[in-house]
């Protein structure tokens, strides 16, 4: 049971999972978010999408020990639809492909689960915030 582990052990497991994640696909997913963020920042109107993409890049780079919470917002639905059509769908496909490749091995199963958990925020990032989750691995 994860909650019975001491805090130092939880931090060690998070570090280990994040390093494995980084080596087996996290760096490429983060680079995909950075790529879309740079493209989105080329136009003034799409700068909020670029900022959201950079925020998700940090989450894709080091996901274990963090979680996504809903914050809402007045224009988040509109921005989410535009984001999904331009970048969200393609980034979600990247997560899905990476999850399938990671799930082939036993070591990769937790990574595949984390990949699949990132798809909703990949598709619809506006109105969500990424926060630290100190007592949980995922």
N, C-alpha and C. Protein backbone atom coordinates (compact mmCIF):
# COMPACT_ATOMS: atom_id res chain seq x y z
N UNK A 1 0.84 -1.18 0.00
CA UNK A 1 0.00 0.00 0.00
C UNK A 1 0.88 1.23 0.00
N UNK A 2 0.65 2.15 -0.90
CA UNK A 2 1.50 3.31 -1.09
C UNK A 2 1.45 4.24 0.11
N UNK A 3 0.29 4.44 0.72
CA UNK A 3 0.17 5.40 1.82
C UNK A 3 0.95 4.94 3.05
N UNK A 4 1.29 3.67 3.16
CA UNK A 4 2.04 3.18 4.32
C UNK A 4 3.54 3.42 4.18
N UNK A 5 4.00 3.84 3.03
CA UNK A 5 5.41 4.10 2.83
C UNK A 5 5.83 5.39 3.50
N UNK A 6 7.04 5.45 4.06
CA UNK A 6 7.53 6.71 4.60
C UNK A 6 7.71 7.73 3.49
N UNK A 7 7.72 9.00 3.89
CA UNK A 7 7.83 10.09 2.91
C UNK A 7 9.09 9.97 2.07
N UNK A 8 10.21 9.60 2.68
CA UNK A 8 11.47 9.46 1.93
C UNK A 8 11.35 8.37 0.87
N UNK A 9 10.66 7.29 1.19
CA UNK A 9 10.48 6.21 0.21
C UNK A 9 9.60 6.66 -0.94
N UNK A 10 8.56 7.43 -0.63
CA UNK A 10 7.68 7.93 -1.69
C UNK A 10 8.45 8.85 -2.62
N UNK A 11 9.29 9.73 -2.04
CA UNK A 11 10.10 10.62 -2.87
C UNK A 11 11.07 9.83 -3.74
N UNK A 12 11.65 8.77 -3.19
CA UNK A 12 12.58 7.94 -3.96
C UNK A 12 11.88 7.23 -5.11
N UNK A 13 10.70 6.71 -4.85
CA UNK A 13 9.94 6.03 -5.90
C UNK A 13 9.53 7.03 -6.98
N UNK A 14 9.09 8.22 -6.59
CA UNK A 14 8.73 9.25 -7.57
C UNK A 14 9.92 9.61 -8.43
N UNK A 15 11.08 9.78 -7.81
CA UNK A 15 12.29 10.11 -8.56
C UNK A 15 12.63 9.00 -9.53
N UNK A 16 12.59 7.76 -9.08
CA UNK A 16 12.90 6.62 -9.95
C UNK A 16 11.92 6.54 -11.12
N UNK A 17 10.62 6.66 -10.84
CA UNK A 17 9.62 6.61 -11.91
C UNK A 17 9.80 7.77 -12.89
N UNK A 18 10.10 8.97 -12.38
CA UNK A 18 10.31 10.10 -13.28
C UNK A 18 11.54 9.92 -14.16
N UNK A 19 12.60 9.35 -13.61
CA UNK A 19 13.80 9.11 -14.42
C UNK A 19 13.55 8.05 -15.49
N UNK A 20 12.84 6.97 -15.12
CA UNK A 20 12.49 5.96 -16.11
C UNK A 20 11.57 6.57 -17.17
N UNK A 21 10.60 7.37 -16.72
CA UNK A 21 9.68 8.05 -17.63
C UNK A 21 10.45 8.91 -18.63
N UNK A 22 11.39 9.69 -18.12
CA UNK A 22 12.17 10.59 -18.96
C UNK A 22 12.93 9.82 -20.02
N UNK A 23 13.53 8.72 -19.63
CA UNK A 23 14.32 7.92 -20.55
C UNK A 23 13.47 7.20 -21.59
N UNK A 24 12.28 6.73 -21.21
CA UNK A 24 11.44 5.94 -22.10
C UNK A 24 10.29 6.71 -22.71
N UNK A 25 10.49 7.95 -23.07
CA UNK A 25 9.48 8.67 -23.84
C UNK A 25 9.12 10.04 -23.33
N UNK A 26 9.37 10.34 -22.08
CA UNK A 26 8.97 11.63 -21.53
C UNK A 26 9.64 12.81 -22.20
N UNK A 27 10.91 12.66 -22.54
CA UNK A 27 11.64 13.76 -23.18
C UNK A 27 11.02 14.10 -24.54
N UNK A 28 10.61 13.06 -25.29
CA UNK A 28 10.04 13.30 -26.61
C UNK A 28 8.65 13.92 -26.53
N UNK A 29 7.87 13.50 -25.54
CA UNK A 29 6.55 14.11 -25.35
C UNK A 29 6.69 15.57 -24.93
N UNK A 30 7.63 15.85 -24.03
CA UNK A 30 7.85 17.23 -23.61
C UNK A 30 8.31 18.09 -24.79
N UNK A 31 9.17 17.54 -25.63
CA UNK A 31 9.62 18.29 -26.82
C UNK A 31 8.47 18.55 -27.78
N UNK A 32 7.52 17.61 -27.88
CA UNK A 32 6.33 17.84 -28.70
C UNK A 32 5.51 19.01 -28.19
N UNK A 33 5.34 19.08 -26.87
CA UNK A 33 4.61 20.20 -26.29
C UNK A 33 5.35 21.51 -26.50
N UNK A 34 6.67 21.48 -26.35
CA UNK A 34 7.46 22.70 -26.58
C UNK A 34 7.35 23.14 -28.03
N UNK A 35 7.39 22.19 -28.96
CA UNK A 35 7.24 22.51 -30.39
C UNK A 35 5.90 23.21 -30.66
N UNK A 36 4.80 22.62 -30.15
CA UNK A 36 3.50 23.24 -30.35
C UNK A 36 3.40 24.58 -29.62
N UNK A 37 4.06 24.72 -28.49
CA UNK A 37 4.06 25.98 -27.76
C UNK A 37 4.76 27.08 -28.54
N UNK A 38 5.87 26.75 -29.17
CA UNK A 38 6.60 27.75 -29.98
C UNK A 38 5.76 28.16 -31.17
N UNK A 39 5.12 27.19 -31.82
CA UNK A 39 4.25 27.52 -32.97
C UNK A 39 3.10 28.41 -32.52
N UNK A 40 2.50 28.08 -31.37
CA UNK A 40 1.36 28.85 -30.89
C UNK A 40 1.76 30.27 -30.50
N UNK A 41 2.98 30.47 -30.04
CA UNK A 41 3.42 31.81 -29.64
C UNK A 41 3.79 32.71 -30.82
N UNK A 42 3.74 32.19 -32.03
CA UNK A 42 4.04 33.00 -33.21
C UNK A 42 2.96 34.04 -33.47
N UNK A 43 1.73 33.74 -33.12
CA UNK A 43 0.63 34.69 -33.29
C UNK A 43 0.17 35.20 -31.93
N UNK A 44 -0.20 36.44 -31.87
CA UNK A 44 -0.62 37.03 -30.60
C UNK A 44 -1.87 36.34 -30.06
N UNK A 45 -2.80 36.01 -30.92
CA UNK A 45 -4.07 35.44 -30.49
C UNK A 45 -3.92 34.05 -29.88
N UNK A 46 -2.86 33.33 -30.25
CA UNK A 46 -2.68 31.97 -29.75
C UNK A 46 -1.63 31.86 -28.64
N UNK A 47 -1.19 32.98 -28.10
CA UNK A 47 -0.22 32.95 -27.00
C UNK A 47 -0.75 32.18 -25.79
N UNK A 48 -2.04 32.31 -25.41
CA UNK A 48 -2.51 31.48 -24.28
C UNK A 48 -2.35 29.98 -24.53
N UNK A 49 -2.51 29.55 -25.76
CA UNK A 49 -2.30 28.13 -26.08
C UNK A 49 -0.82 27.77 -25.95
N UNK A 50 0.05 28.68 -26.31
CA UNK A 50 1.48 28.45 -26.16
C UNK A 50 1.88 28.33 -24.70
N UNK A 51 1.32 29.20 -23.87
CA UNK A 51 1.60 29.13 -22.43
C UNK A 51 1.09 27.82 -21.85
N UNK A 52 -0.12 27.40 -22.25
CA UNK A 52 -0.67 26.12 -21.79
C UNK A 52 0.22 24.96 -22.26
N UNK A 53 0.73 25.07 -23.46
CA UNK A 53 1.58 24.00 -23.98
C UNK A 53 2.89 23.91 -23.20
N UNK A 54 3.47 25.04 -22.85
CA UNK A 54 4.70 25.01 -22.05
C UNK A 54 4.43 24.46 -20.65
N UNK A 55 3.27 24.79 -20.10
CA UNK A 55 2.90 24.26 -18.78
C UNK A 55 2.76 22.73 -18.85
N UNK A 56 2.14 22.24 -19.91
CA UNK A 56 1.99 20.79 -20.08
C UNK A 56 3.32 20.12 -20.40
N UNK A 57 4.25 20.85 -21.02
CA UNK A 57 5.58 20.29 -21.29
C UNK A 57 6.29 19.96 -19.98
N UNK A 58 6.15 20.84 -18.99
CA UNK A 58 6.79 20.55 -17.71
C UNK A 58 6.15 19.34 -17.04
N UNK A 59 4.83 19.18 -17.23
CA UNK A 59 4.12 18.02 -16.68
C UNK A 59 4.53 16.75 -17.42
N UNK A 60 4.66 16.82 -18.73
CA UNK A 60 5.07 15.66 -19.52
C UNK A 60 6.53 15.30 -19.25
N UNK A 61 7.32 16.28 -18.84
CA UNK A 61 8.73 16.04 -18.56
C UNK A 61 8.92 15.32 -17.23
N UNK A 62 8.10 15.65 -16.21
CA UNK A 62 8.27 15.12 -14.85
C UNK A 62 6.89 14.91 -14.22
N UNK A 63 6.13 13.86 -14.61
CA UNK A 63 4.73 13.76 -14.22
C UNK A 63 4.43 13.13 -12.86
N UNK A 64 5.30 12.24 -12.38
CA UNK A 64 4.97 11.52 -11.15
C UNK A 64 5.08 12.44 -9.95
N UNK A 65 4.07 12.39 -9.09
CA UNK A 65 4.02 13.26 -7.93
C UNK A 65 3.28 14.55 -8.20
N UNK A 66 2.64 14.66 -9.35
CA UNK A 66 1.84 15.83 -9.70
C UNK A 66 0.48 15.36 -10.17
N UNK A 67 -0.50 16.23 -10.05
CA UNK A 67 -1.85 15.89 -10.47
C UNK A 67 -2.50 17.11 -11.12
N UNK A 68 -3.61 16.87 -11.81
CA UNK A 68 -4.33 17.92 -12.51
C UNK A 68 -5.63 18.19 -11.76
N UNK A 69 -5.91 19.47 -11.52
CA UNK A 69 -7.17 19.86 -10.88
C UNK A 69 -7.89 20.84 -11.80
N UNK A 70 -9.21 20.82 -11.74
CA UNK A 70 -10.03 21.73 -12.55
C UNK A 70 -10.10 23.08 -11.86
N UNK A 71 -9.93 24.14 -12.64
CA UNK A 71 -10.04 25.49 -12.10
C UNK A 71 -11.18 26.25 -12.76
N UNK A 72 -11.61 25.82 -13.92
CA UNK A 72 -12.71 26.50 -14.63
C UNK A 72 -12.22 27.77 -15.30
N UNK A 73 -13.13 28.50 -15.83
CA UNK A 73 -12.81 29.74 -16.52
C UNK A 73 -13.89 30.04 -17.54
N UNK A 74 -14.04 31.32 -17.85
CA UNK A 74 -15.14 31.72 -18.73
C UNK A 74 -14.89 31.35 -20.19
N UNK A 75 -13.67 31.43 -20.65
CA UNK A 75 -13.38 31.14 -22.05
C UNK A 75 -12.71 29.77 -22.24
N UNK A 76 -12.65 28.98 -21.20
CA UNK A 76 -11.90 27.73 -21.31
C UNK A 76 -12.50 26.76 -22.32
N UNK A 77 -13.82 26.72 -22.46
CA UNK A 77 -14.45 25.82 -23.43
C UNK A 77 -14.07 26.20 -24.85
N UNK A 78 -14.14 27.48 -25.16
CA UNK A 78 -13.78 27.96 -26.49
C UNK A 78 -12.32 27.65 -26.79
N UNK A 79 -11.43 27.97 -25.84
CA UNK A 79 -10.01 27.71 -26.05
C UNK A 79 -9.73 26.21 -26.18
N UNK A 80 -10.44 25.40 -25.42
CA UNK A 80 -10.23 23.95 -25.49
C UNK A 80 -10.61 23.38 -26.84
N UNK A 81 -11.69 23.88 -27.44
CA UNK A 81 -12.10 23.40 -28.77
C UNK A 81 -11.04 23.77 -29.81
N UNK A 82 -10.57 25.00 -29.77
CA UNK A 82 -9.53 25.43 -30.72
C UNK A 82 -8.26 24.62 -30.50
N UNK A 83 -7.87 24.46 -29.23
CA UNK A 83 -6.66 23.69 -28.92
C UNK A 83 -6.76 22.25 -29.43
N UNK A 84 -7.90 21.61 -29.19
CA UNK A 84 -8.07 20.22 -29.60
C UNK A 84 -7.92 20.08 -31.11
N UNK A 85 -8.50 21.00 -31.87
CA UNK A 85 -8.44 20.91 -33.33
C UNK A 85 -7.04 21.14 -33.86
N UNK A 86 -6.27 22.01 -33.21
CA UNK A 86 -4.95 22.37 -33.73
C UNK A 86 -3.85 21.44 -33.22
N UNK A 87 -3.81 21.20 -31.90
CA UNK A 87 -2.68 20.45 -31.34
C UNK A 87 -3.09 19.29 -30.45
N UNK A 88 -4.18 19.39 -29.73
CA UNK A 88 -4.54 18.40 -28.73
C UNK A 88 -4.70 17.00 -29.27
N UNK A 89 -5.34 16.89 -30.42
CA UNK A 89 -5.56 15.57 -31.02
C UNK A 89 -4.23 14.90 -31.34
N UNK A 90 -3.29 15.64 -31.93
CA UNK A 90 -2.01 15.06 -32.34
C UNK A 90 -1.15 14.70 -31.13
N UNK A 91 -1.18 15.54 -30.09
CA UNK A 91 -0.44 15.23 -28.89
C UNK A 91 -1.04 14.03 -28.16
N UNK A 92 -2.37 13.91 -28.19
CA UNK A 92 -3.03 12.75 -27.57
C UNK A 92 -2.64 11.47 -28.30
N UNK A 93 -2.54 11.53 -29.63
CA UNK A 93 -2.07 10.36 -30.38
C UNK A 93 -0.65 9.98 -29.98
N UNK A 94 0.19 10.98 -29.73
CA UNK A 94 1.55 10.71 -29.26
C UNK A 94 1.54 10.02 -27.91
N UNK A 95 0.66 10.47 -27.01
CA UNK A 95 0.55 9.81 -25.70
C UNK A 95 0.05 8.37 -25.86
N UNK A 96 -0.92 8.17 -26.72
CA UNK A 96 -1.48 6.84 -26.93
C UNK A 96 -0.43 5.89 -27.52
N UNK A 97 0.30 6.35 -28.51
CA UNK A 97 1.34 5.52 -29.12
C UNK A 97 2.44 5.19 -28.11
N UNK A 98 2.83 6.18 -27.32
CA UNK A 98 3.85 5.95 -26.32
C UNK A 98 3.36 4.98 -25.25
N UNK A 99 2.09 5.11 -24.84
CA UNK A 99 1.52 4.22 -23.82
C UNK A 99 1.50 2.77 -24.32
N UNK A 100 1.14 2.58 -25.57
CA UNK A 100 1.12 1.22 -26.14
C UNK A 100 2.52 0.63 -26.14
N UNK A 101 3.51 1.43 -26.54
CA UNK A 101 4.88 0.94 -26.58
C UNK A 101 5.39 0.65 -25.17
N UNK A 102 5.03 1.48 -24.19
CA UNK A 102 5.51 1.27 -22.83
C UNK A 102 4.83 0.08 -22.16
N UNK A 103 3.58 -0.19 -22.50
CA UNK A 103 2.82 -1.26 -21.85
C UNK A 103 3.32 -2.65 -22.24
N UNK A 104 4.19 -2.74 -23.20
CA UNK A 104 4.71 -4.04 -23.63
C UNK A 104 5.54 -4.68 -22.53
N UNK A 105 6.24 -3.87 -21.74
CA UNK A 105 7.08 -4.42 -20.68
C UNK A 105 6.42 -4.22 -19.31
N UNK A 106 6.81 -5.01 -18.36
CA UNK A 106 6.27 -4.89 -17.01
C UNK A 106 6.70 -3.57 -16.38
N UNK A 107 7.94 -3.19 -16.59
CA UNK A 107 8.44 -1.92 -16.04
C UNK A 107 7.68 -0.74 -16.64
N UNK A 108 7.25 -0.85 -17.88
CA UNK A 108 6.58 0.25 -18.55
C UNK A 108 5.11 0.40 -18.23
N UNK A 109 4.51 -0.56 -17.54
CA UNK A 109 3.06 -0.47 -17.27
C UNK A 109 2.70 0.77 -16.45
N UNK A 110 3.42 1.12 -15.36
CA UNK A 110 3.07 2.36 -14.66
C UNK A 110 3.25 3.60 -15.54
N UNK A 111 4.23 3.55 -16.43
CA UNK A 111 4.45 4.66 -17.35
C UNK A 111 3.30 4.77 -18.35
N UNK A 112 2.81 3.63 -18.82
CA UNK A 112 1.68 3.63 -19.76
C UNK A 112 0.43 4.17 -19.08
N UNK A 113 0.23 3.81 -17.82
CA UNK A 113 -0.93 4.33 -17.08
C UNK A 113 -0.82 5.84 -16.95
N UNK A 114 0.37 6.34 -16.61
CA UNK A 114 0.56 7.79 -16.50
C UNK A 114 0.32 8.47 -17.84
N UNK A 115 0.76 7.84 -18.92
CA UNK A 115 0.54 8.39 -20.25
C UNK A 115 -0.95 8.52 -20.55
N UNK A 116 -1.70 7.49 -20.24
CA UNK A 116 -3.14 7.51 -20.50
C UNK A 116 -3.85 8.53 -19.62
N UNK A 117 -3.36 8.74 -18.40
CA UNK A 117 -3.96 9.73 -17.51
C UNK A 117 -3.69 11.16 -17.98
N UNK A 118 -2.67 11.34 -18.83
CA UNK A 118 -2.35 12.67 -19.33
C UNK A 118 -3.19 13.06 -20.56
N UNK A 119 -3.85 12.11 -21.18
CA UNK A 119 -4.61 12.40 -22.40
C UNK A 119 -5.72 13.43 -22.19
N UNK A 120 -6.53 13.35 -21.12
CA UNK A 120 -7.58 14.38 -20.97
C UNK A 120 -7.04 15.81 -20.86
N UNK A 121 -5.94 15.98 -20.13
CA UNK A 121 -5.38 17.33 -20.03
C UNK A 121 -4.68 17.73 -21.33
N UNK A 122 -4.22 16.75 -22.09
CA UNK A 122 -3.63 17.04 -23.40
C UNK A 122 -4.69 17.55 -24.37
N UNK A 123 -5.84 16.94 -24.34
CA UNK A 123 -6.91 17.34 -25.26
C UNK A 123 -7.56 18.65 -24.86
N UNK A 124 -7.73 18.86 -23.56
CA UNK A 124 -8.47 20.03 -23.08
C UNK A 124 -7.73 20.66 -21.90
N UNK A 125 -6.65 21.43 -22.16
CA UNK A 125 -5.81 21.94 -21.07
C UNK A 125 -6.34 23.18 -20.36
N UNK A 126 -7.20 23.94 -21.02
CA UNK A 126 -7.66 25.18 -20.41
C UNK A 126 -8.68 24.88 -19.31
N UNK A 127 -8.59 25.61 -18.22
CA UNK A 127 -9.47 25.38 -17.08
C UNK A 127 -8.92 24.30 -16.17
N UNK A 128 -7.65 23.95 -16.34
CA UNK A 128 -7.01 22.95 -15.49
C UNK A 128 -5.67 23.49 -15.01
N UNK A 129 -5.27 23.02 -13.84
CA UNK A 129 -4.00 23.44 -13.27
C UNK A 129 -3.24 22.20 -12.80
N UNK A 130 -1.94 22.20 -12.97
CA UNK A 130 -1.10 21.08 -12.55
C UNK A 130 -0.49 21.45 -11.20
N UNK A 131 -0.74 20.60 -10.20
CA UNK A 131 -0.28 20.89 -8.84
C UNK A 131 0.49 19.69 -8.31
N UNK A 132 1.31 19.97 -7.30
CA UNK A 132 2.07 18.90 -6.64
C UNK A 132 1.13 18.02 -5.83
N UNK A 133 1.41 16.75 -5.84
CA UNK A 133 0.60 15.78 -5.10
C UNK A 133 1.56 15.02 -4.18
N UNK A 134 1.80 15.52 -2.96
CA UNK A 134 2.89 14.98 -2.13
C UNK A 134 2.68 13.55 -1.64
N UNK A 135 1.46 13.10 -1.50
CA UNK A 135 1.23 11.77 -0.90
C UNK A 135 0.84 10.71 -1.90
N UNK A 136 0.97 10.99 -3.17
CA UNK A 136 0.59 9.97 -4.14
C UNK A 136 1.64 9.88 -5.22
N UNK A 137 1.79 8.69 -5.80
CA UNK A 137 2.76 8.49 -6.87
C UNK A 137 2.25 9.00 -8.20
N UNK A 138 0.97 8.80 -8.45
CA UNK A 138 0.39 9.23 -9.72
C UNK A 138 -0.29 10.53 -9.49
